[in-house]
Protein backbone atom coordinates (compact mmCIF):
# COMPACT_ATOMS: atom_id res chain seq x y z
CA UNK A 1 13.66 -19.10 6.12
CA UNK A 2 11.54 -16.94 8.49
CA UNK A 3 8.68 -14.99 7.38
CA UNK A 4 9.52 -11.22 6.91
CA UNK A 5 8.89 -8.73 9.82
CA UNK A 6 6.21 -6.39 8.97
CA UNK A 7 7.18 -2.87 7.97
CA UNK A 8 4.74 -0.92 9.49
CA UNK A 9 2.42 -1.75 12.52
CA UNK A 10 -0.95 0.07 12.88
CA UNK A 11 -1.39 0.52 17.14
CA UNK A 12 -4.71 1.91 17.09
CA UNK A 13 -6.70 2.89 13.68
CA UNK A 14 -9.36 5.07 13.52
CA UNK A 15 -12.17 5.59 10.97
CA UNK A 16 -10.27 7.71 8.84
CA UNK A 17 -7.03 5.44 8.86
CA UNK A 18 -6.25 3.98 5.13
CA UNK A 19 -2.92 2.39 4.08
CA UNK A 20 -1.63 3.13 0.56
CA UNK A 21 0.34 1.36 -1.55
CA UNK A 22 1.71 1.86 -5.12
CA UNK A 23 -1.17 -0.46 -6.81
CA UNK A 24 -1.12 -3.35 -8.20
CA UNK A 25 -0.65 -3.10 -12.16
CA UNK A 26 -0.62 -5.98 -14.39
CA UNK A 27 -3.51 -7.54 -12.99
CA UNK A 28 -6.38 -5.93 -14.79
CA UNK A 29 -6.99 -9.13 -16.58
CA UNK A 30 -7.74 -10.73 -13.33
CA UNK A 31 -10.56 -8.33 -12.50
CA UNK A 32 -8.37 -6.10 -9.90
CA UNK A 33 -7.93 -2.33 -10.11
CA UNK A 34 -4.74 -0.97 -10.45
CA UNK A 35 -5.70 1.47 -7.03
CA UNK A 36 -2.75 2.66 -5.28
CA UNK A 37 -1.83 6.14 -4.12
CA UNK A 38 -2.89 9.13 -6.06
CA UNK A 39 0.15 10.72 -5.84
CA UNK A 40 3.25 7.86 -6.87
CA UNK A 41 6.30 10.43 -6.01
CA UNK A 42 4.71 11.16 -2.59
CA UNK A 43 3.85 8.09 -1.73
CA UNK A 44 7.43 6.71 -2.45
CA UNK A 45 8.98 9.54 -0.91
CA UNK A 46 7.00 9.00 2.29
CA UNK A 47 8.09 5.60 2.51
CA UNK A 48 11.68 6.42 2.54
C-alpha cells in the first residue's frame, strides 16, 4: 500500500501562516494539549 498523498501543500508560507486542525482530544494523559481551531464548525466547513 502506498503512503497517502497530502491534502494541502504550502508553497510559500509567511510569518503569520498557521495550519489548524481539530485538535488532539484524548491525549491529555500523555501531556498533549487538546489545541485545535478556536471555532470547530468553521474549521470543518473550511475543510469541505
